[in-house]
Amino acid sequence: MHHKQPHTDYLKTAELANYWSISARTLERWRYDGKGPIFFKMEGLVRYRMIDVLEYEKHSIVRN
């Protein structure tokens, strides 16, 4: 699902999109729909904490 782990605790939308190999637009849509990992906005800038991204991944595992 992702490549190598970023070297920061906070990711911009484009960085998380690159990390998961999805479009930034997908993440924007997820935010609008109330889906995806927890994010925060500071003065209009969206950021994702790496700890929340990893937690979201953990809870998204599907076992068949």
C-alpha atoms as a PDB file:
ATOM      1  CA  MET A   1       0.000   0.000   0.000  1.00  0.00           C
ATOM      2  CA  HIS A   2       2.808   2.417   0.713  1.00  0.00           C
ATOM      3  CA  HIS A   3       6.462   2.810  -0.040  1.00  0.00           C
ATOM      4  CA  LYS A   4       8.975   3.958   2.530  1.00  0.00           C
ATOM      5  CA  GLN A   5       7.929   5.771   5.668  1.00  0.00           C
ATOM      6  CA  PRO A   6       8.298   9.562   5.564  1.00  0.00           C
ATOM      7  CA  HIS A   7      10.821  11.215   7.853  1.00  0.00           C
ATOM      8  CA  THR A   8       8.296  13.467   9.553  1.00  0.00           C
ATOM      9  CA  ASP A   9       5.531  13.208  12.128  1.00  0.00           C
ATOM     10  CA  TYR A  10       3.169  15.346  10.028  1.00  0.00           C
ATOM     11  CA  LEU A  11       2.204  14.829   6.406  1.00  0.00           C
ATOM     12  CA  LYS A  12       0.711  17.217   3.883  1.00  0.00           C
ATOM     13  CA  THR A  13      -2.102  15.901   1.690  1.00  0.00           C
ATOM     14  CA  ALA A  14       0.241  15.426  -1.276  1.00  0.00           C
ATOM     15  CA  GLU A  15       2.769  13.574   0.897  1.00  0.00           C
ATOM     16  CA  LEU A  16       0.162  11.138   2.221  1.00  0.00           C
ATOM     17  CA  ALA A  17      -1.228  10.658  -1.281  1.00  0.00           C
ATOM     18  CA  ASN A  18       2.267   9.790  -2.496  1.00  0.00           C
ATOM     19  CA  TYR A  19       2.842   7.496   0.502  1.00  0.00           C
ATOM     20  CA  TRP A  20      -0.324   5.515  -0.316  1.00  0.00           C
ATOM     21  CA  SER A  21      -0.009   5.851  -4.118  1.00  0.00           C
ATOM     22  CA  ILE A  22      -3.407   7.514  -4.413  1.00  0.00           C
ATOM     23  CA  SER A  23      -4.438  10.946  -5.629  1.00  0.00           C
ATOM     24  CA  ALA A  24      -4.576  13.993  -3.389  1.00  0.00           C
ATOM     25  CA  ARG A  25      -8.121  14.444  -4.716  1.00  0.00           C
ATOM     26  CA  THR A  26      -9.095  11.088  -3.166  1.00  0.00           C
ATOM     27  CA  LEU A  27      -7.910  12.294   0.237  1.00  0.00           C
ATOM     28  CA  GLU A  28      -9.801  15.562  -0.232  1.00  0.00           C
ATOM     29  CA  ARG A  29     -12.961  13.612  -1.062  1.00  0.00           C
ATOM     30  CA  TRP A  30     -12.478  11.350   1.957  1.00  0.00           C
ATOM     31  CA  ARG A  31     -12.182  14.409   4.217  1.00  0.00           C
ATOM     32  CA  TYR A  32     -15.370  15.845   2.758  1.00  0.00           C
ATOM     33  CA  ASP A  33     -17.153  12.484   3.231  1.00  0.00           C
ATOM     34  CA  GLY A  34     -15.835  12.026   6.792  1.00  0.00           C
ATOM     35  CA  LYS A  35     -13.640   9.066   5.799  1.00  0.00           C
ATOM     36  CA  GLY A  36      -9.940   8.349   5.982  1.00  0.00           C
ATOM     37  CA  PRO A  37      -7.445   9.044   8.749  1.00  0.00           C
ATOM     38  CA  ILE A  38      -7.895  11.798  11.312  1.00  0.00           C
ATOM     39  CA  PHE A  39      -6.524  15.134  10.112  1.00  0.00           C
ATOM     40  CA  PHE A  40      -6.238  18.621  11.471  1.00  0.00           C
ATOM     41  CA  LYS A  41      -6.328  22.082   9.986  1.00  0.00           C
ATOM     42  CA  MET A  42      -4.192  24.935  11.186  1.00  0.00           C
ATOM     43  CA  GLU A  43      -4.917  28.247   9.493  1.00  0.00           C
ATOM     44  CA  GLY A  44      -6.366  26.383   6.514  1.00  0.00           C
ATOM     45  CA  LEU A  45      -3.439  23.952   6.146  1.00  0.00           C
ATOM     46  CA  VAL A  46      -4.403  20.268   6.350  1.00  0.00           C
ATOM     47  CA  ARG A  47      -1.966  17.925   8.087  1.00  0.00           C
ATOM     48  CA  TYR A  48      -2.054  14.244   8.990  1.00  0.00           C
ATOM     49  CA  ARG A  49      -0.135  12.939  11.988  1.00  0.00           C
ATOM     50  CA  MET A  50       1.842   9.822  11.060  1.00  0.00           C
ATOM     51  CA  ILE A  51       0.595   8.093  14.225  1.00  0.00           C
ATOM     52  CA  ASP A  52      -3.020   8.566  13.005  1.00  0.00           C
ATOM     53  CA  VAL A  53      -2.134   7.323   9.513  1.00  0.00           C
ATOM     54  CA  LEU A  54      -0.597   4.152  10.957  1.00  0.00           C
ATOM     55  CA  GLU A  55      -3.615   3.648  13.230  1.00  0.00           C
ATOM     56  CA  TYR A  56      -5.952   4.024  10.246  1.00  0.00           C
ATOM     57  CA  GLU A  57      -3.919   1.445   8.317  1.00  0.00           C
ATOM     58  CA  LYS A  58      -4.059  -0.932  11.281  1.00  0.00           C
ATOM     59  CA  HIS A  59      -7.856  -0.725  11.441  1.00  0.00           C
ATOM     60  CA  SER A  60      -8.209  -1.067   7.664  1.00  0.00           C
ATOM     61  CA  ILE A  61      -6.667  -4.529   7.489  1.00  0.00           C
ATOM     62  CA  VAL A  62      -9.096  -7.062   6.035  1.00  0.00           C
ATOM     63  CA  ARG A  63      -8.665 -10.720   6.814  1.00  0.00           C
ATOM     64  CA  ASN A  64     -10.345 -13.281   4.580  1.00  0.00           C
END
